[in-house]
Structures are given as C-alpha cells and as structure tokens.
Amino acid sequence: MPISPSELKKIRKSLSLTQQAAADSVRVERQTWISWEREPEKTTHRTIPEGLLELFFIKHHIQYKVIDKKVYNVNYK
C-alpha cells in the first residue's frame, strides 16, 4: 500500500486540515475520510482510492509520483 492511514493523517494535520475539510476537498463524507485514517486492523477501515488520493495531493500541492498505478507521496516518509 503506497500510503498508510497514519501517513494520511500526518499529511492532513501538516496541512492544518480537519477531517471535514479534507473530506470536502475530495468530495466525500467525513465518515469516509475517517475510515481512511483508521488502522487496517479495525473492521471499519477502508483504503483511500488511488484517484482520490491523487486528487487530494493535486488540490493541496503535494508532490507525488505514480508507480505501477499506485500514488506515492514524495515528501513524507
């Protein structure tokens, strides 16, 4: 998986975005965004779709690269 839930949360917080603001930026419900930030062990965890991750990166000017149709963040490790 190119981005973990904790990495997604770290990026969102570094942009000073609430979960609602992050969700709004990719036009999903807040609960959907929350499910993307949950750890995989949780039954309510979902993985952010590659297209929406790419859209989030574009809208927030985050450098990324695509390898084998997977979106990777360039700046956050």
Protein backbone atom coordinates (compact mmCIF):
# COMPACT_ATOMS: atom_id res chain seq x y z
CA MET A 1 0.00 0.00 0.00
CA PRO A 2 1.55 3.31 -1.01
CA ILE A 3 0.13 5.33 1.92
CA SER A 4 -0.74 4.15 5.39
CA PRO A 5 -3.61 5.54 7.43
CA SER A 6 -1.14 7.16 9.83
CA GLU A 7 0.72 8.82 6.93
CA LEU A 8 -2.56 10.14 5.54
CA LYS A 9 -3.44 11.58 8.94
CA LYS A 10 0.05 13.10 9.31
CA ILE A 11 -0.25 14.80 5.92
CA ARG A 12 -3.74 16.12 6.71
CA LYS A 13 -2.58 17.53 10.03
CA SER A 14 0.54 19.09 8.46
CA LEU A 15 -1.83 20.99 6.17
CA SER A 16 -3.86 22.10 9.23
CA LEU A 17 -6.96 20.45 7.79
CA THR A 18 -9.77 19.00 9.82
CA GLN A 19 -11.14 15.65 8.73
CA GLN A 20 -14.19 17.52 7.42
CA ALA A 21 -12.07 19.91 5.35
CA ALA A 22 -10.00 17.04 3.94
CA ALA A 23 -13.16 15.12 3.08
CA ASP A 24 -14.71 18.17 1.44
CA SER A 25 -11.61 18.67 -0.71
CA VAL A 26 -12.16 15.29 -2.39
CA ARG A 27 -15.98 15.45 -2.15
CA VAL A 28 -16.62 12.59 0.25
CA GLU A 29 -18.40 12.36 3.58
CA ARG A 30 -16.40 12.98 6.76
CA GLN A 31 -17.08 9.42 7.90
CA THR A 32 -15.47 8.11 4.71
CA TRP A 33 -12.34 10.16 5.39
CA ILE A 34 -12.29 8.90 8.98
CA SER A 35 -12.40 5.30 7.71
CA TRP A 36 -9.33 6.00 5.56
CA GLU A 37 -7.39 7.16 8.63
CA ARG A 38 -8.29 4.09 10.71
CA GLU A 39 -5.67 1.41 11.12
CA PRO A 40 -6.16 -1.72 8.96
CA GLU A 41 -6.88 -3.94 11.98
CA LYS A 42 -10.17 -2.09 12.51
CA THR A 43 -13.16 -3.64 10.76
CA THR A 44 -14.33 -0.19 9.62
CA HIS A 45 -11.01 0.65 7.90
CA ARG A 46 -11.12 1.42 4.19
CA THR A 47 -8.28 2.23 1.83
CA ILE A 48 -8.40 5.58 0.07
CA PRO A 49 -8.86 5.01 -3.68
CA GLU A 50 -5.81 5.92 -5.75
CA GLY A 51 -7.73 8.51 -7.79
CA LEU A 52 -8.96 10.33 -4.69
CA LEU A 53 -5.50 10.24 -3.13
CA GLU A 54 -4.08 11.76 -6.30
CA LEU A 55 -6.83 14.42 -6.31
CA PHE A 56 -6.08 15.25 -2.66
CA PHE A 57 -2.38 15.63 -3.47
CA ILE A 58 -3.10 17.82 -6.51
CA LYS A 59 -5.53 20.08 -4.65
CA HIS A 60 -3.12 20.58 -1.76
CA HIS A 61 0.04 20.93 -3.89
CA ILE A 62 1.71 17.81 -2.53
CA GLN A 63 4.39 16.28 -4.73
CA TYR A 64 3.71 12.70 -5.69
CA LYS A 65 4.67 10.08 -8.21
CA VAL A 66 2.77 7.20 -9.74
CA ILE A 67 4.43 3.80 -9.95
CA ASP A 68 2.52 0.79 -11.26
CA LYS A 69 -0.74 2.77 -10.99
CA LYS A 70 -0.11 3.46 -7.28
CA VAL A 71 0.21 7.01 -5.95
CA TYR A 72 3.21 7.72 -3.71
CA ASN A 73 3.94 10.85 -1.73
CA VAL A 74 7.36 12.26 -2.49
CA ASN A 75 7.86 14.46 0.60
CA TYR A 76 6.54 12.42 3.55
CA LYS A 77 8.31 9.27 4.63
